[in-house]
Amino acid sequence: MATVIDLEHGQKGIIREFSDSIPPIKLLELGCLPGNHVELVQVAPLKDPIYINVNGSHIAIRRSLAKQIELDIVEDTENV
């Protein structure tokens, strides 16, 4: 199963579930809910924190927290 840390810069995914049975309330408050779209915006120089875009909101989360967010990676379907 892919997680947020598996995304590459600019790559998108759809939140499937959380590996922890009880997701942190802070994640839910920030909009990290199953079915929402996530895009990797930037990774800090020391790989922590990770900056993501969740439904139009930019948030920074710790790498350990990003490992808990399981995704379905969205393939780019634009026609060239």
PDB file of N, CA and C in Angstrom:
ATOM      1  N   MET A   1       0.849  -1.188   0.000  1.00  0.00           N
ATOM      2  CA  MET A   1       0.000   0.000   0.000  1.00  0.00           C
ATOM      3  C   MET A   1       0.888   1.243   0.000  1.00  0.00           C
ATOM      4  N   ALA A   2       0.601   2.173  -0.864  1.00  0.00           N
ATOM      5  CA  ALA A   2       1.357   3.429  -0.949  1.00  0.00           C
ATOM      6  C   ALA A   2       0.920   4.383   0.156  1.00  0.00           C
ATOM      7  N   THR A   3       1.859   5.204   0.617  1.00  0.00           N
ATOM      8  CA  THR A   3       1.555   6.223   1.607  1.00  0.00           C
ATOM      9  C   THR A   3       2.020   7.573   1.070  1.00  0.00           C
ATOM     10  N   VAL A   4       1.781   8.627   1.817  1.00  0.00           N
ATOM     11  CA  VAL A   4       2.155   9.976   1.387  1.00  0.00           C
ATOM     12  C   VAL A   4       3.656  10.077   1.130  1.00  0.00           C
ATOM     13  N   ILE A   5       4.481   9.370   1.904  1.00  0.00           N
ATOM     14  CA  ILE A   5       5.930   9.482   1.684  1.00  0.00           C
ATOM     15  C   ILE A   5       6.382   8.809   0.392  1.00  0.00           C
ATOM     16  N   ASP A   6       5.520   8.015  -0.228  1.00  0.00           N
ATOM     17  CA  ASP A   6       5.849   7.380  -1.508  1.00  0.00           C
ATOM     18  C   ASP A   6       5.599   8.296  -2.702  1.00  0.00           C
ATOM     19  N   LEU A   7       4.892   9.412  -2.483  1.00  0.00           N
ATOM     20  CA  LEU A   7       4.613  10.341  -3.575  1.00  0.00           C
ATOM     21  C   LEU A   7       5.886  11.064  -4.006  1.00  0.00           C
ATOM     22  N   GLU A   8       5.977  11.370  -5.271  1.00  0.00           N
ATOM     23  CA  GLU A   8       7.044  12.207  -5.788  1.00  0.00           C
ATOM     24  C   GLU A   8       6.506  13.621  -5.935  1.00  0.00           C
ATOM     25  N   HIS A   9       7.409  14.592  -6.069  1.00  0.00           N
ATOM     26  CA  HIS A   9       7.012  16.003  -6.166  1.00  0.00           C
ATOM     27  C   HIS A   9       5.955  16.187  -7.251  1.00  0.00           C
ATOM     28  N   GLY A  10       4.812  16.770  -6.874  1.00  0.00           N
ATOM     29  CA  GLY A  10       3.726  17.039  -7.819  1.00  0.00           C
ATOM     30  C   GLY A  10       2.786  15.875  -8.046  1.00  0.00           C
ATOM     31  N   GLN A  11       3.123  14.707  -7.540  1.00  0.00           N
ATOM     32  CA  GLN A  11       2.275  13.534  -7.737  1.00  0.00           C
ATOM     33  C   GLN A  11       1.075  13.594  -6.796  1.00  0.00           C
ATOM     34  N   LYS A  12      -0.023  13.019  -7.235  1.00  0.00           N
ATOM     35  CA  LYS A  12      -1.266  13.084  -6.474  1.00  0.00           C
ATOM     36  C   LYS A  12      -1.759  11.700  -6.079  1.00  0.00           C
ATOM     37  N   GLY A  13      -2.578  11.683  -5.036  1.00  0.00           N
ATOM     38  CA  GLY A  13      -3.194  10.443  -4.590  1.00  0.00           C
ATOM     39  C   GLY A  13      -4.524  10.744  -3.929  1.00  0.00           C
ATOM     40  N   ILE A  14      -5.274   9.692  -3.689  1.00  0.00           N
ATOM     41  CA  ILE A  14      -6.551   9.802  -2.989  1.00  0.00           C
ATOM     42  C   ILE A  14      -6.414   9.012  -1.693  1.00  0.00           C
ATOM     43  N   ILE A  15      -6.760   9.659  -0.585  1.00  0.00           N
ATOM     44  CA  ILE A  15      -6.626   9.005   0.711  1.00  0.00           C
ATOM     45  C   ILE A  15      -7.576   7.818   0.776  1.00  0.00           C
ATOM     46  N   ARG A  16      -7.001   6.680   1.097  1.00  0.00           N
ATOM     47  CA  ARG A  16      -7.791   5.452   1.209  1.00  0.00           C
ATOM     48  C   ARG A  16      -8.175   5.199   2.662  1.00  0.00           C
ATOM     49  N   GLU A  17      -7.177   5.142   3.536  1.00  0.00           N
ATOM     50  CA  GLU A  17      -7.415   4.891   4.955  1.00  0.00           C
ATOM     51  C   GLU A  17      -6.159   5.237   5.738  1.00  0.00           C
ATOM     52  N   PHE A  18      -6.187   4.987   7.028  1.00  0.00           N
ATOM     53  CA  PHE A  18      -5.041   5.240   7.893  1.00  0.00           C
ATOM     54  C   PHE A  18      -4.542   3.912   8.438  1.00  0.00           C
ATOM     55  N   SER A  19      -3.214   3.743   8.480  1.00  0.00           N
ATOM     56  CA  SER A  19      -2.665   2.482   8.970  1.00  0.00           C
ATOM     57  C   SER A  19      -2.909   2.312  10.460  1.00  0.00           C
ATOM     58  N   ASP A  20      -2.963   3.410  11.185  1.00  0.00           N
ATOM     59  CA  ASP A  20      -3.286   3.356  12.605  1.00  0.00           C
ATOM     60  C   ASP A  20      -4.805   3.257  12.729  1.00  0.00           C
ATOM     61  N   SER A  21      -5.282   2.435  13.638  1.00  0.00           N
ATOM     62  CA  SER A  21      -6.731   2.250  13.752  1.00  0.00           C
ATOM     63  C   SER A  21      -7.459   3.530  14.149  1.00  0.00           C
ATOM     64  N   ILE A  22      -6.770   4.409  14.894  1.00  0.00           N
ATOM     65  CA  ILE A  22      -7.365   5.688  15.281  1.00  0.00           C
ATOM     66  C   ILE A  22      -6.489   6.804  14.722  1.00  0.00           C
ATOM     67  N   PRO A  23      -6.911   7.448  13.628  1.00  0.00           N
ATOM     68  CA  PRO A  23      -6.083   8.508  13.049  1.00  0.00           C
ATOM     69  C   PRO A  23      -6.014   9.717  13.978  1.00  0.00           C
ATOM     70  N   PRO A  24      -4.898  10.435  13.952  1.00  0.00           N
ATOM     71  CA  PRO A  24      -4.795  11.641  14.788  1.00  0.00           C
ATOM     72  C   PRO A  24      -5.887  12.644  14.439  1.00  0.00           C
ATOM     73  N   ILE A  25      -6.529  13.191  15.449  1.00  0.00           N
ATOM     74  CA  ILE A  25      -7.613  14.151  15.263  1.00  0.00           C
ATOM     75  C   ILE A  25      -7.133  15.347  14.446  1.00  0.00           C
ATOM     76  N   LYS A  26      -5.886  15.762  14.664  1.00  0.00           N
ATOM     77  CA  LYS A  26      -5.350  16.916  13.932  1.00  0.00           C
ATOM     78  C   LYS A  26      -5.411  16.683  12.419  1.00  0.00           C
ATOM     79  N   LEU A  27      -5.094  15.468  11.968  1.00  0.00           N
ATOM     80  CA  LEU A  27      -5.177  15.159  10.540  1.00  0.00           C
ATOM     81  C   LEU A  27      -6.601  15.313  10.028  1.00  0.00           C
ATOM     82  N   LEU A  28      -7.535  14.817  10.773  1.00  0.00           N
ATOM     83  CA  LEU A  28      -8.942  14.914  10.363  1.00  0.00           C
ATOM     84  C   LEU A  28      -9.396  16.364  10.322  1.00  0.00           C
ATOM     85  N   GLU A  29      -8.963  17.154  11.304  1.00  0.00           N
ATOM     86  CA  GLU A  29      -9.328  18.571  11.339  1.00  0.00           C
ATOM     87  C   GLU A  29      -8.742  19.331  10.154  1.00  0.00           C
ATOM     88  N   LEU A  30      -7.580  18.890   9.665  1.00  0.00           N
ATOM     89  CA  LEU A  30      -6.926  19.559   8.535  1.00  0.00           C
ATOM     90  C   LEU A  30      -7.469  19.090   7.189  1.00  0.00           C
ATOM     91  N   GLY A  31      -8.419  18.170   7.192  1.00  0.00           N
ATOM     92  CA  GLY A  31      -9.051  17.732   5.949  1.00  0.00           C
ATOM     93  C   GLY A  31      -8.513  16.444   5.380  1.00  0.00           C
ATOM     94  N   CYS A  32      -7.659  15.757   6.109  1.00  0.00           N
ATOM     95  CA  CYS A  32      -7.130  14.473   5.639  1.00  0.00           C
ATOM     96  C   CYS A  32      -8.147  13.383   5.937  1.00  0.00           C
ATOM     97  N   LEU A  33      -9.132  13.288   5.073  1.00  0.00           N
ATOM     98  CA  LEU A  33     -10.213  12.323   5.244  1.00  0.00           C
ATOM     99  C   LEU A  33     -10.214  11.361   4.068  1.00  0.00           C
ATOM    100  N   PRO A  34     -10.614  10.116   4.274  1.00  0.00           N
ATOM    101  CA  PRO A  34     -10.700   9.181   3.158  1.00  0.00           C
ATOM    102  C   PRO A  34     -11.519   9.755   2.008  1.00  0.00           C
ATOM    103  N   GLY A  35     -10.986   9.619   0.802  1.00  0.00           N
ATOM    104  CA  GLY A  35     -11.642  10.137  -0.395  1.00  0.00           C
ATOM    105  C   GLY A  35     -11.115  11.481  -0.848  1.00  0.00           C
ATOM    106  N   ASN A  36     -10.392  12.200   0.019  1.00  0.00           N
ATOM    107  CA  ASN A  36      -9.843  13.502  -0.356  1.00  0.00           C
ATOM    108  C   ASN A  36      -8.551  13.342  -1.149  1.00  0.00           C
ATOM    109  N   HIS A  37      -8.302  14.313  -2.016  1.00  0.00           N
ATOM    110  CA  HIS A  37      -7.106  14.309  -2.857  1.00  0.00           C
ATOM    111  C   HIS A  37      -5.930  14.929  -2.122  1.00  0.00           C
ATOM    112  N   VAL A  38      -4.748  14.355  -2.328  1.00  0.00           N
ATOM    113  CA  VAL A  38      -3.508  14.830  -1.722  1.00  0.00           C
ATOM    114  C   VAL A  38      -2.469  14.986  -2.822  1.00  0.00           C
ATOM    115  N   GLU A  39      -1.714  16.085  -2.761  1.00  0.00           N
ATOM    116  CA  GLU A  39      -0.607  16.304  -3.702  1.00  0.00           C
ATOM    117  C   GLU A  39       0.637  16.655  -2.897  1.00  0.00           C
ATOM    118  N   LEU A  40       1.752  16.028  -3.240  1.00  0.00           N
ATOM    119  CA  LEU A  40       3.009  16.356  -2.575  1.00  0.00           C
ATOM    120  C   LEU A  40       3.536  17.656  -3.160  1.00  0.00           C
ATOM    121  N   VAL A  41       3.704  18.664  -2.305  1.00  0.00           N
ATOM    122  CA  VAL A  41       4.170  19.981  -2.730  1.00  0.00           C
ATOM    123  C   VAL A  41       5.678  20.088  -2.580  1.00  0.00           C
ATOM    124  N   GLN A  42       6.194  19.705  -1.407  1.00  0.00           N
ATOM    125  CA  GLN A  42       7.617  19.876  -1.139  1.00  0.00           C
ATOM    126  C   GLN A  42       8.027  18.994   0.033  1.00  0.00           C
ATOM    127  N   VAL A  43       9.296  18.586   0.023  1.00  0.00           N
ATOM    128  CA  VAL A  43       9.874  17.871   1.150  1.00  0.00           C
ATOM    129  C   VAL A  43      11.010  18.735   1.673  1.00  0.00           C
ATOM    130  N   ALA A  44      11.036  18.972   2.972  1.00  0.00           N
ATOM    131  CA  ALA A  44      12.086  19.799   3.578  1.00  0.00           C
ATOM    132  C   ALA A  44      13.466  19.162   3.336  1.00  0.00           C
ATOM    133  N   PRO A  45      14.525  19.974   3.390  1.00  0.00           N
ATOM    134  CA  PRO A  45      15.877  19.469   3.104  1.00  0.00           C
ATOM    135  C   PRO A  45      16.288  18.242   3.922  1.00  0.00           C
ATOM    136  N   LEU A  46      15.883  18.151   5.155  1.00  0.00           N
ATOM    137  CA  LEU A  46      16.235  16.984   5.971  1.00  0.00           C
ATOM    138  C   LEU A  46      15.120  15.930   5.957  1.00  0.00           C
ATOM    139  N   LYS A  47      14.240  16.019   4.949  1.00  0.00           N
ATOM    140  CA  LYS A  47      13.127  15.087   4.710  1.00  0.00           C
ATOM    141  C   LYS A  47      12.031  15.124   5.770  1.00  0.00           C
ATOM    142  N   ASP A  48      12.025  16.149   6.591  1.00  0.00           N
ATOM    143  CA  ASP A  48      10.980  16.294   7.598  1.00  0.00           C
ATOM    144  C   ASP A  48      10.851  17.765   7.956  1.00  0.00           C
ATOM    145  N   PRO A  49       9.710  18.416   7.788  1.00  0.00           N
ATOM    146  CA  PRO A  49       8.392  17.872   7.477  1.00  0.00           C
ATOM    147  C   PRO A  49       8.168  17.724   5.973  1.00  0.00           C
ATOM    148  N   ILE A  50       6.972  17.231   5.664  1.00  0.00           N
ATOM    149  CA  ILE A  50       6.520  17.066   4.284  1.00  0.00           C
ATOM    150  C   ILE A  50       5.362  18.041   4.085  1.00  0.00           C
ATOM    151  N   TYR A  51       5.407  18.783   2.983  1.00  0.00           N
ATOM    152  CA  TYR A  51       4.355  19.762   2.687  1.00  0.00           C
ATOM    153  C   TYR A  51       3.419  19.160   1.648  1.00  0.00           C
ATOM    154  N   ILE A  52       2.131  19.122   1.985  1.00  0.00           N
ATOM    155  CA  ILE A  52       1.144  18.540   1.076  1.00  0.00           C
ATOM    156  C   ILE A  52      -0.006  19.517   0.853  1.00  0.00           C
ATOM    157  N   ASN A  53      -0.696  19.306  -0.242  1.00  0.00           N
ATOM    158  CA  ASN A  53      -1.895  20.061  -0.571  1.00  0.00           C
ATOM    159  C   ASN A  53      -3.065  19.094  -0.436  1.00  0.00           C
ATOM    160  N   VAL A  54      -3.967  19.390   0.481  1.00  0.00           N
ATOM    161  CA  VAL A  54      -5.153  18.555   0.687  1.00  0.00           C
ATOM    162  C   VAL A  54      -6.366  19.399   0.347  1.00  0.00           C
ATOM    163  N   ASN A  55      -6.980  19.104  -0.794  1.00  0.00           N
ATOM    164  CA  ASN A  55      -8.178  19.832  -1.237  1.00  0.00           C
ATOM    165  C   ASN A  55      -7.994  21.348  -1.191  1.00  0.00           C
ATOM    166  N   GLY A  56      -6.846  21.831  -1.654  1.00  0.00           N
ATOM    167  CA  GLY A  56      -6.604  23.265  -1.740  1.00  0.00           C
ATOM    168  C   GLY A  56      -5.931  23.890  -0.538  1.00  0.00           C
ATOM    169  N   SER A  57      -5.730  23.149   0.528  1.00  0.00           N
ATOM    170  CA  SER A  57      -5.057  23.674   1.722  1.00  0.00           C
ATOM    171  C   SER A  57      -3.652  23.084   1.826  1.00  0.00           C
ATOM    172  N   HIS A  58      -2.656  23.955   1.971  1.00  0.00           N
ATOM    173  CA  HIS A  58      -1.280  23.501   2.144  1.00  0.00           C
ATOM    174  C   HIS A  58      -1.014  23.275   3.624  1.00  0.00           C
ATOM    175  N   ILE A  59      -0.548  22.070   3.956  1.00  0.00           N
ATOM    176  CA  ILE A  59      -0.222  21.762   5.345  1.00  0.00           C
ATOM    177  C   ILE A  59       1.134  21.065   5.408  1.00  0.00           C
ATOM    178  N   ALA A  60       1.780  21.178   6.548  1.00  0.00           N
ATOM    179  CA  ALA A  60       3.054  20.497   6.787  1.00  0.00           C
ATOM    180  C   ALA A  60       2.810  19.431   7.843  1.00  0.00           C
ATOM    181  N   ILE A  61       3.267  18.218   7.551  1.00  0.00           N
ATOM    182  CA  ILE A  61       3.114  17.128   8.509  1.00  0.00           C
ATOM    183  C   ILE A  61       4.444  16.410   8.671  1.00  0.00           C
ATOM    184  N   ARG A  62       4.617  15.798   9.799  1.00  0.00           N
ATOM    185  CA  ARG A  62       5.834  15.027  10.059  1.00  0.00           C
ATOM    186  C   ARG A  62       5.851  13.768   9.195  1.00  0.00           C
ATOM    187  N   ARG A  63       7.044  13.318   8.888  1.00  0.00           N
ATOM    188  CA  ARG A  63       7.232  12.121   8.077  1.00  0.00           C
ATOM    189  C   ARG A  63       6.557  10.900   8.735  1.00  0.00           C
ATOM    190  N   SER A  64       6.671  10.793  10.056  1.00  0.00           N
ATOM    191  CA  SER A  64       6.067   9.658  10.759  1.00  0.00           C
ATOM    192  C   SER A  64       4.548   9.650  10.604  1.00  0.00           C
ATOM    193  N   LEU A  65       3.950  10.814  10.553  1.00  0.00           N
ATOM    194  CA  LEU A  65       2.507  10.923  10.357  1.00  0.00           C
ATOM    195  C   LEU A  65       2.134  10.623   8.903  1.00  0.00           C
ATOM    196  N   ALA A  66       2.979  11.059   7.972  1.00  0.00           N
ATOM    197  CA  ALA A  66       2.724  10.813   6.548  1.00  0.00           C
ATOM    198  C   ALA A  66       2.726   9.327   6.227  1.00  0.00           C
ATOM    199  N   LYS A  67       3.501   8.546   6.978  1.00  0.00           N
ATOM    200  CA  LYS A  67       3.546   7.090   6.762  1.00  0.00           C
ATOM    201  C   LYS A  67       2.231   6.412   7.131  1.00  0.00           C
ATOM    202  N   GLN A  68       1.408   7.080   7.914  1.00  0.00           N
ATOM    203  CA  GLN A  68       0.135   6.501   8.348  1.00  0.00           C
ATOM    204  C   GLN A  68      -0.996   6.729   7.347  1.00  0.00           C
ATOM    205  N   ILE A  69      -0.795   7.630   6.387  1.00  0.00           N
ATOM    206  CA  ILE A  69      -1.856   7.976   5.435  1.00  0.00           C
ATOM    207  C   ILE A  69      -1.694   7.119   4.180  1.00  0.00           C
ATOM    208  N   GLU A  70      -2.550   6.121   4.032  1.00  0.00           N
ATOM    209  CA  GLU A  70      -2.487   5.220   2.889  1.00  0.00           C
ATOM    210  C   GLU A  70      -3.278   5.795   1.719  1.00  0.00           C
ATOM    211  N   LEU A  71      -2.692   5.658   0.514  1.00  0.00           N
ATOM    212  CA  LEU A  71      -3.249   6.296  -0.678  1.00  0.00           C
ATOM    213  C   LEU A  71      -3.441   5.327  -1.830  1.00  0.00           C
ATOM    214  N   ASP A  72      -4.293   5.729  -2.732  1.00  0.00           N
ATOM    215  CA  ASP A  72      -4.326   5.196  -4.088  1.00  0.00           C
ATOM    216  C   ASP A  72      -3.694   6.279  -4.941  1.00  0.00           C
ATOM    217  N   ILE A  73      -2.551   5.991  -5.552  1.00  0.00           N
ATOM    218  CA  ILE A  73      -1.865   7.004  -6.352  1.00  0.00           C
ATOM    219  C   ILE A  73      -2.629   7.206  -7.649  1.00  0.00           C
ATOM    220  N   VAL A  74      -2.827   8.489  -8.004  1.00  0.00           N
ATOM    221  CA  VAL A  74      -3.563   8.853  -9.206  1.00  0.00           C
ATOM    222  C   VAL A  74      -2.562   9.032 -10.336  1.00  0.00           C
ATOM    223  N   GLU A  75      -2.775   8.278 -11.391  1.00  0.00           N
ATOM    224  CA  GLU A  75      -1.904   8.388 -12.566  1.00  0.00           C
ATOM    225  C   GLU A  75      -2.344   9.595 -13.390  1.00  0.00           C
ATOM    226  N   ASP A  76      -1.375  10.285 -13.955  1.00  0.00           N
ATOM    227  CA  ASP A  76      -1.666  11.452 -14.792  1.00  0.00           C
ATOM    228  C   ASP A  76      -2.319  10.973 -16.075  1.00  0.00           C
ATOM    229  N   THR A  77      -3.550  11.423 -16.320  1.00  0.00           N
ATOM    230  CA  THR A  77      -4.301  10.956 -17.478  1.00  0.00           C
ATOM    231  C   THR A  77      -4.463  12.029 -18.546  1.00  0.00           C
ATOM    232  N   GLU A  78      -3.645  13.082 -18.482  1.00  0.00           N
ATOM    233  CA  GLU A  78      -3.751  14.148 -19.496  1.00  0.00           C
ATOM    234  C   GLU A  78      -3.252  13.633 -20.836  1.00  0.00           C
ATOM    235  N   ASN A  79      -3.967  13.986 -21.859  1.00  0.00           N
ATOM    236  CA  ASN A  79      -3.529  13.628 -23.220  1.00  0.00           C
ATOM    237  C   ASN A  79      -2.645  14.726 -23.765  1.00  0.00           C
ATOM    238  N   VAL A  80      -1.522  14.350 -24.333  1.00  0.00           N
ATOM    239  CA  VAL A  80      -0.582  15.343 -24.873  1.00  0.00           C
ATOM    240  C   VAL A  80      -0.845  15.588 -26.322  1.00  0.00           C
TER     241      VAL A  80
END
